[in-house]
Amino acid sequence: MNPIVDEVKREYGGKVDFVFVSMDDKAGKEKAAEYSVIGYPSFLILDSTGKQVNLLQGVVPKETLEKALDDVLAREGG
């Protein structure tokens, strides 16, 4: 997934903030529990207010991740 994520980060840089959370540390596990993430990779999509609008779990195609980001950007006028 890293090459896909890196490519999407380059394409959406400046429009979307990307935050990596490791499931290997306590803070990551707490954040996963807060958002009901039960596996990884998982992509939690939040709007500009921090509200969860989508959760993609497992290996997803680049197009799926882009669509999820485009949807939230369109809702927010970006």
PDB file of N, CA and C in Angstrom:
ATOM      1  N   MET A   1       0.818  -1.205   0.000  1.00  0.00           N
ATOM      2  CA  MET A   1       0.000   0.000   0.000  1.00  0.00           C
ATOM      3  C   MET A   1       0.861   1.268   0.000  1.00  0.00           C
ATOM      4  N   ASN A   2       2.073   1.207   0.504  1.00  0.00           N
ATOM      5  CA  ASN A   2       2.879   2.421   0.619  1.00  0.00           C
ATOM      6  C   ASN A   2       3.062   3.168  -0.697  1.00  0.00           C
ATOM      7  N   PRO A   3       3.357   2.487  -1.816  1.00  0.00           N
ATOM      8  CA  PRO A   3       3.504   3.256  -3.065  1.00  0.00           C
ATOM      9  C   PRO A   3       2.213   3.975  -3.459  1.00  0.00           C
ATOM     10  N   ILE A   4       1.073   3.335  -3.247  1.00  0.00           N
ATOM     11  CA  ILE A   4      -0.208   3.965  -3.568  1.00  0.00           C
ATOM     12  C   ILE A   4      -0.443   5.166  -2.663  1.00  0.00           C
ATOM     13  N   VAL A   5      -0.230   4.990  -1.379  1.00  0.00           N
ATOM     14  CA  VAL A   5      -0.447   6.077  -0.426  1.00  0.00           C
ATOM     15  C   VAL A   5       0.503   7.232  -0.732  1.00  0.00           C
ATOM     16  N   ASP A   6       1.749   6.934  -1.031  1.00  0.00           N
ATOM     17  CA  ASP A   6       2.706   7.993  -1.353  1.00  0.00           C
ATOM     18  C   ASP A   6       2.268   8.773  -2.585  1.00  0.00           C
ATOM     19  N   GLU A   7       1.772   8.083  -3.586  1.00  0.00           N
ATOM     20  CA  GLU A   7       1.314   8.740  -4.805  1.00  0.00           C
ATOM     21  C   GLU A   7       0.096   9.621  -4.529  1.00  0.00           C
ATOM     22  N   VAL A   8      -0.852   9.109  -3.759  1.00  0.00           N
ATOM     23  CA  VAL A   8      -2.047   9.887  -3.428  1.00  0.00           C
ATOM     24  C   VAL A   8      -1.669  11.105  -2.577  1.00  0.00           C
ATOM     25  N   LYS A   9      -0.732  10.932  -1.678  1.00  0.00           N
ATOM     26  CA  LYS A   9      -0.271  12.057  -0.858  1.00  0.00           C
ATOM     27  C   LYS A   9       0.320  13.158  -1.736  1.00  0.00           C
ATOM     28  N   ARG A  10       1.086  12.779  -2.742  1.00  0.00           N
ATOM     29  CA  ARG A  10       1.652  13.777  -3.657  1.00  0.00           C
ATOM     30  C   ARG A  10       0.547  14.488  -4.436  1.00  0.00           C
ATOM     31  N   GLU A  11      -0.427  13.733  -4.909  1.00  0.00           N
ATOM     32  CA  GLU A  11      -1.494  14.299  -5.727  1.00  0.00           C
ATOM     33  C   GLU A  11      -2.439  15.200  -4.932  1.00  0.00           C
ATOM     34  N   TYR A  12      -2.659  14.879  -3.661  1.00  0.00           N
ATOM     35  CA  TYR A  12      -3.623  15.624  -2.849  1.00  0.00           C
ATOM     36  C   TYR A  12      -2.956  16.553  -1.850  1.00  0.00           C
ATOM     37  N   GLY A  13      -1.645  16.653  -1.920  1.00  0.00           N
ATOM     38  CA  GLY A  13      -0.920  17.534  -1.010  1.00  0.00           C
ATOM     39  C   GLY A  13      -1.458  18.953  -1.101  1.00  0.00           C
ATOM     40  N   GLY A  14      -1.654  19.587   0.026  1.00  0.00           N
ATOM     41  CA  GLY A  14      -2.204  20.927   0.053  1.00  0.00           C
ATOM     42  C   GLY A  14      -3.723  20.960   0.152  1.00  0.00           C
ATOM     43  N   LYS A  15      -4.376  19.872  -0.239  1.00  0.00           N
ATOM     44  CA  LYS A  15      -5.840  19.800  -0.146  1.00  0.00           C
ATOM     45  C   LYS A  15      -6.285  18.910   1.008  1.00  0.00           C
ATOM     46  N   VAL A  16      -5.439  17.951   1.366  1.00  0.00           N
ATOM     47  CA  VAL A  16      -5.790  16.951   2.372  1.00  0.00           C
ATOM     48  C   VAL A  16      -4.605  16.781   3.315  1.00  0.00           C
ATOM     49  N   ASP A  17      -4.885  16.692   4.598  1.00  0.00           N
ATOM     50  CA  ASP A  17      -3.840  16.367   5.578  1.00  0.00           C
ATOM     51  C   ASP A  17      -3.824  14.862   5.777  1.00  0.00           C
ATOM     52  N   PHE A  18      -2.656  14.267   5.667  1.00  0.00           N
ATOM     53  CA  PHE A  18      -2.490  12.838   5.884  1.00  0.00           C
ATOM     54  C   PHE A  18      -1.773  12.631   7.213  1.00  0.00           C
ATOM     55  N   VAL A  19      -2.337  11.755   8.031  1.00  0.00           N
ATOM     56  CA  VAL A  19      -1.747  11.447   9.333  1.00  0.00           C
ATOM     57  C   VAL A  19      -1.577   9.937   9.420  1.00  0.00           C
ATOM     58  N   PHE A  20      -0.368   9.507   9.716  1.00  0.00           N
ATOM     59  CA  PHE A  20      -0.095   8.084   9.890  1.00  0.00           C
ATOM     60  C   PHE A  20      -0.155   7.762  11.373  1.00  0.00           C
ATOM     61  N   VAL A  21      -0.907   6.730  11.710  1.00  0.00           N
ATOM     62  CA  VAL A  21      -1.002   6.274  13.092  1.00  0.00           C
ATOM     63  C   VAL A  21      -0.570   4.813  13.126  1.00  0.00           C
ATOM     64  N   SER A  22       0.398   4.517  13.970  1.00  0.00           N
ATOM     65  CA  SER A  22       0.908   3.156  14.078  1.00  0.00           C
ATOM     66  C   SER A  22       0.084   2.352  15.078  1.00  0.00           C
ATOM     67  N   MET A  23      -0.290   1.170  14.669  1.00  0.00           N
ATOM     68  CA  MET A  23      -1.012   0.266  15.564  1.00  0.00           C
ATOM     69  C   MET A  23      -0.056  -0.433  16.533  1.00  0.00           C
ATOM     70  N   ASP A  24       1.217  -0.113  16.416  1.00  0.00           N
ATOM     71  CA  ASP A  24       2.217  -0.745  17.274  1.00  0.00           C
ATOM     72  C   ASP A  24       2.465   0.014  18.567  1.00  0.00           C
ATOM     73  N   ASP A  25       1.875   1.188  18.706  1.00  0.00           N
ATOM     74  CA  ASP A  25       2.088   1.919  19.955  1.00  0.00           C
ATOM     75  C   ASP A  25       0.755   2.221  20.639  1.00  0.00           C
ATOM     76  N   LYS A  26       0.842   2.621  21.874  1.00  0.00           N
ATOM     77  CA  LYS A  26      -0.351   2.833  22.694  1.00  0.00           C
ATOM     78  C   LYS A  26      -1.273   3.898  22.109  1.00  0.00           C
ATOM     79  N   ALA A  27      -0.709   5.015  21.684  1.00  0.00           N
ATOM     80  CA  ALA A  27      -1.529   6.096  21.131  1.00  0.00           C
ATOM     81  C   ALA A  27      -2.275   5.627  19.881  1.00  0.00           C
ATOM     82  N   GLY A  28      -1.610   4.850  19.050  1.00  0.00           N
ATOM     83  CA  GLY A  28      -2.241   4.321  17.850  1.00  0.00           C
ATOM     84  C   GLY A  28      -3.377   3.369  18.178  1.00  0.00           C
ATOM     85  N   LYS A  29      -3.169   2.528  19.151  1.00  0.00           N
ATOM     86  CA  LYS A  29      -4.215   1.590  19.571  1.00  0.00           C
ATOM     87  C   LYS A  29      -5.413   2.320  20.151  1.00  0.00           C
ATOM     88  N   GLU A  30      -5.156   3.383  20.901  1.00  0.00           N
ATOM     89  CA  GLU A  30      -6.251   4.177  21.462  1.00  0.00           C
ATOM     90  C   GLU A  30      -7.040   4.874  20.360  1.00  0.00           C
ATOM     91  N   LYS A  31      -6.336   5.422  19.367  1.00  0.00           N
ATOM     92  CA  LYS A  31      -6.998   6.095  18.252  1.00  0.00           C
ATOM     93  C   LYS A  31      -7.811   5.083  17.447  1.00  0.00           C
ATOM     94  N   ALA A  32      -7.275   3.891  17.249  1.00  0.00           N
ATOM     95  CA  ALA A  32      -7.995   2.842  16.519  1.00  0.00           C
ATOM     96  C   ALA A  32      -9.287   2.472  17.259  1.00  0.00           C
ATOM     97  N   ALA A  33      -9.210   2.349  18.548  1.00  0.00           N
ATOM     98  CA  ALA A  33     -10.397   2.013  19.331  1.00  0.00           C
ATOM     99  C   ALA A  33     -11.429   3.141  19.268  1.00  0.00           C
ATOM    100  N   GLU A  34     -10.960   4.367  19.299  1.00  0.00           N
ATOM    101  CA  GLU A  34     -11.858   5.527  19.238  1.00  0.00           C
ATOM    102  C   GLU A  34     -12.699   5.511  17.957  1.00  0.00           C
ATOM    103  N   TYR A  35     -12.098   5.075  16.857  1.00  0.00           N
ATOM    104  CA  TYR A  35     -12.789   5.081  15.564  1.00  0.00           C
ATOM    105  C   TYR A  35     -13.220   3.691  15.102  1.00  0.00           C
ATOM    106  N   SER A  36     -13.165   2.717  15.984  1.00  0.00           N
ATOM    107  CA  SER A  36     -13.594   1.337  15.678  1.00  0.00           C
ATOM    108  C   SER A  36     -12.820   0.702  14.533  1.00  0.00           C
ATOM    109  N   VAL A  37     -11.548   1.030  14.428  1.00  0.00           N
ATOM    110  CA  VAL A  37     -10.684   0.404  13.428  1.00  0.00           C
ATOM    111  C   VAL A  37     -10.231  -0.935  13.990  1.00  0.00           C
ATOM    112  N   ILE A  38     -10.497  -2.005  13.242  1.00  0.00           N
ATOM    113  CA  ILE A  38     -10.172  -3.336  13.769  1.00  0.00           C
ATOM    114  C   ILE A  38      -9.074  -4.044  12.978  1.00  0.00           C
ATOM    115  N   GLY A  39      -8.615  -3.450  11.916  1.00  0.00           N
ATOM    116  CA  GLY A  39      -7.565  -4.077  11.126  1.00  0.00           C
ATOM    117  C   GLY A  39      -6.778  -3.035  10.369  1.00  0.00           C
ATOM    118  N   TYR A  40      -5.729  -3.487   9.742  1.00  0.00           N
ATOM    119  CA  TYR A  40      -4.955  -2.553   8.941  1.00  0.00           C
ATOM    120  C   TYR A  40      -4.409  -3.248   7.719  1.00  0.00           C
ATOM    121  N   PRO A  41      -4.223  -2.489   6.651  1.00  0.00           N
ATOM    122  CA  PRO A  41      -4.334  -1.033   6.624  1.00  0.00           C
ATOM    123  C   PRO A  41      -5.790  -0.574   6.692  1.00  0.00           C
ATOM    124  N   SER A  42      -5.983   0.583   7.275  1.00  0.00           N
ATOM    125  CA  SER A  42      -7.286   1.236   7.323  1.00  0.00           C
ATOM    126  C   SER A  42      -7.076   2.701   6.995  1.00  0.00           C
ATOM    127  N   PHE A  43      -8.033   3.258   6.282  1.00  0.00           N
ATOM    128  CA  PHE A  43      -7.986   4.666   5.912  1.00  0.00           C
ATOM    129  C   PHE A  43      -9.231   5.327   6.466  1.00  0.00           C
ATOM    130  N   LEU A  44      -9.026   6.143   7.453  1.00  0.00           N
ATOM    131  CA  LEU A  44     -10.118   6.855   8.106  1.00  0.00           C
ATOM    132  C   LEU A  44     -10.193   8.241   7.474  1.00  0.00           C
ATOM    133  N   ILE A  45     -11.319   8.550   6.878  1.00  0.00           N
ATOM    134  CA  ILE A  45     -11.495   9.829   6.201  1.00  0.00           C
ATOM    135  C   ILE A  45     -12.340  10.725   7.101  1.00  0.00           C
ATOM    136  N   LEU A  46     -11.770  11.861   7.478  1.00  0.00           N
ATOM    137  CA  LEU A  46     -12.449  12.829   8.336  1.00  0.00           C
ATOM    138  C   LEU A  46     -12.681  14.106   7.549  1.00  0.00           C
ATOM    139  N   ASP A  47     -13.781  14.803   7.854  1.00  0.00           N
ATOM    140  CA  ASP A  47     -13.996  16.100   7.224  1.00  0.00           C
ATOM    141  C   ASP A  47     -13.194  17.158   7.978  1.00  0.00           C
ATOM    142  N   SER A  48     -13.345  18.395   7.569  1.00  0.00           N
ATOM    143  CA  SER A  48     -12.540  19.466   8.164  1.00  0.00           C
ATOM    144  C   SER A  48     -12.880  19.741   9.626  1.00  0.00           C
ATOM    145  N   THR A  49     -14.021  19.223  10.089  1.00  0.00           N
ATOM    146  CA  THR A  49     -14.388  19.396  11.494  1.00  0.00           C
ATOM    147  C   THR A  49     -13.940  18.218  12.360  1.00  0.00           C
ATOM    148  N   GLY A  50     -13.363  17.192  11.718  1.00  0.00           N
ATOM    149  CA  GLY A  50     -12.930  16.011  12.442  1.00  0.00           C
ATOM    150  C   GLY A  50     -13.962  14.908  12.504  1.00  0.00           C
ATOM    151  N   LYS A  51     -15.088  15.112  11.838  1.00  0.00           N
ATOM    152  CA  LYS A  51     -16.142  14.090  11.813  1.00  0.00           C
ATOM    153  C   LYS A  51     -15.783  12.990  10.814  1.00  0.00           C
ATOM    154  N   GLN A  52     -15.944  11.743  11.240  1.00  0.00           N
ATOM    155  CA  GLN A  52     -15.669  10.611  10.362  1.00  0.00           C
ATOM    156  C   GLN A  52     -16.707  10.557   9.246  1.00  0.00           C
ATOM    157  N   VAL A  53     -16.235  10.501   7.999  1.00  0.00           N
ATOM    158  CA  VAL A  53     -17.148  10.406   6.864  1.00  0.00           C
ATOM    159  C   VAL A  53     -16.966   9.113   6.077  1.00  0.00           C
ATOM    160  N   ASN A  54     -15.860   8.419   6.301  1.00  0.00           N
ATOM    161  CA  ASN A  54     -15.634   7.160   5.598  1.00  0.00           C
ATOM    162  C   ASN A  54     -14.543   6.372   6.314  1.00  0.00           C
ATOM    163  N   LEU A  55     -14.612   5.070   6.172  1.00  0.00           N
ATOM    164  CA  LEU A  55     -13.577   4.179   6.688  1.00  0.00           C
ATOM    165  C   LEU A  55     -13.355   3.097   5.645  1.00  0.00           C
ATOM    166  N   LEU A  56     -12.161   3.072   5.093  1.00  0.00           N
ATOM    167  CA  LEU A  56     -11.779   2.048   4.122  1.00  0.00           C
ATOM    168  C   LEU A  56     -10.832   1.095   4.825  1.00  0.00           C
ATOM    169  N   GLN A  57     -11.148  -0.183   4.800  1.00  0.00           N
ATOM    170  CA  GLN A  57     -10.306  -1.156   5.482  1.00  0.00           C
ATOM    171  C   GLN A  57      -9.762  -2.173   4.500  1.00  0.00           C
ATOM    172  N   GLY A  58      -8.538  -2.567   4.745  1.00  0.00           N
ATOM    173  CA  GLY A  58      -7.881  -3.532   3.888  1.00  0.00           C
ATOM    174  C   GLY A  58      -7.157  -2.840   2.746  1.00  0.00           C
ATOM    175  N   VAL A  59      -6.601  -3.632   1.886  1.00  0.00           N
ATOM    176  CA  VAL A  59      -5.902  -3.098   0.724  1.00  0.00           C
ATOM    177  C   VAL A  59      -6.953  -2.593  -0.261  1.00  0.00           C
ATOM    178  N   VAL A  60      -6.868  -1.323  -0.607  1.00  0.00           N
ATOM    179  CA  VAL A  60      -7.849  -0.725  -1.512  1.00  0.00           C
ATOM    180  C   VAL A  60      -7.135  -0.182  -2.741  1.00  0.00           C
ATOM    181  N   PRO A  61      -7.805  -0.221  -3.881  1.00  0.00           N
ATOM    182  CA  PRO A  61      -7.211   0.363  -5.082  1.00  0.00           C
ATOM    183  C   PRO A  61      -7.055   1.876  -4.928  1.00  0.00           C
ATOM    184  N   LYS A  62      -6.106   2.424  -5.631  1.00  0.00           N
ATOM    185  CA  LYS A  62      -5.865   3.863  -5.605  1.00  0.00           C
ATOM    186  C   LYS A  62      -7.136   4.632  -5.944  1.00  0.00           C
ATOM    187  N   GLU A  63      -7.887   4.148  -6.911  1.00  0.00           N
ATOM    188  CA  GLU A  63      -9.094   4.830  -7.343  1.00  0.00           C
ATOM    189  C   GLU A  63     -10.128   4.929  -6.227  1.00  0.00           C
ATOM    190  N   THR A  64     -10.209   3.907  -5.391  1.00  0.00           N
ATOM    191  CA  THR A  64     -11.156   3.905  -4.271  1.00  0.00           C
ATOM    192  C   THR A  64     -10.777   4.958  -3.248  1.00  0.00           C
ATOM    193  N   LEU A  65      -9.502   5.039  -2.948  1.00  0.00           N
ATOM    194  CA  LEU A  65      -9.020   6.045  -2.001  1.00  0.00           C
ATOM    195  C   LEU A  65      -9.233   7.448  -2.569  1.00  0.00           C
ATOM    196  N   GLU A  66      -8.933   7.631  -3.845  1.00  0.00           N
ATOM    197  CA  GLU A  66      -9.140   8.937  -4.473  1.00  0.00           C
ATOM    198  C   GLU A  66     -10.614   9.335  -4.458  1.00  0.00           C
ATOM    199  N   LYS A  67     -11.487   8.403  -4.736  1.00  0.00           N
ATOM    200  CA  LYS A  67     -12.934   8.698  -4.733  1.00  0.00           C
ATOM    201  C   LYS A  67     -13.386   9.145  -3.349  1.00  0.00           C
ATOM    202  N   ALA A  68     -12.919   8.464  -2.312  1.00  0.00           N
ATOM    203  CA  ALA A  68     -13.296   8.836  -0.946  1.00  0.00           C
ATOM    204  C   ALA A  68     -12.820  10.245  -0.622  1.00  0.00           C
ATOM    205  N   LEU A  69     -11.619  10.584  -1.050  1.00  0.00           N
ATOM    206  CA  LEU A  69     -11.092  11.928  -0.805  1.00  0.00           C
ATOM    207  C   LEU A  69     -11.845  12.965  -1.642  1.00  0.00           C
ATOM    208  N   ASP A  70     -12.102  12.639  -2.908  1.00  0.00           N
ATOM    209  CA  ASP A  70     -12.839  13.559  -3.772  1.00  0.00           C
ATOM    210  C   ASP A  70     -14.238  13.832  -3.222  1.00  0.00           C
ATOM    211  N   ASP A  71     -14.883  12.810  -2.696  1.00  0.00           N
ATOM    212  CA  ASP A  71     -16.233  12.975  -2.136  1.00  0.00           C
ATOM    213  C   ASP A  71     -16.241  13.965  -0.992  1.00  0.00           C
ATOM    214  N   VAL A  72     -15.302  13.838  -0.066  1.00  0.00           N
ATOM    215  CA  VAL A  72     -15.284  14.752   1.077  1.00  0.00           C
ATOM    216  C   VAL A  72     -14.862  16.158   0.633  1.00  0.00           C
ATOM    217  N   LEU A  73     -13.956  16.255  -0.313  1.00  0.00           N
ATOM    218  CA  LEU A  73     -13.570  17.570  -0.822  1.00  0.00           C
ATOM    219  C   LEU A  73     -14.736  18.264  -1.521  1.00  0.00           C
ATOM    220  N   ALA A  74     -15.508  17.508  -2.280  1.00  0.00           N
ATOM    221  CA  ALA A  74     -16.659  18.080  -2.979  1.00  0.00           C
ATOM    222  C   ALA A  74     -17.702  18.589  -1.995  1.00  0.00           C
ATOM    223  N   ARG A  75     -17.908  17.841  -0.911  1.00  0.00           N
ATOM    224  CA  ARG A  75     -18.881  18.275   0.110  1.00  0.00           C
ATOM    225  C   ARG A  75     -18.457  19.560   0.774  1.00  0.00           C
ATOM    226  N   GLU A  76     -17.141  19.760   0.852  1.00  0.00           N
ATOM    227  CA  GLU A  76     -16.621  20.926   1.559  1.00  0.00           C
ATOM    228  C   GLU A  76     -16.262  22.068   0.608  1.00  0.00           C
ATOM    229  N   GLY A  77     -16.555  21.860  -0.661  1.00  0.00           N
ATOM    230  CA  GLY A  77     -16.299  22.922  -1.623  1.00  0.00           C
ATOM    231  C   GLY A  77     -14.859  23.042  -2.046  1.00  0.00           C
ATOM    232  N   GLY A  78     -14.061  21.981  -1.807  1.00  0.00           N
ATOM    233  CA  GLY A  78     -12.639  22.062  -2.153  1.00  0.00           C
ATOM    234  C   GLY A  78     -12.364  21.232  -3.303  1.00  0.00           C
TER     235      GLY A  78
END
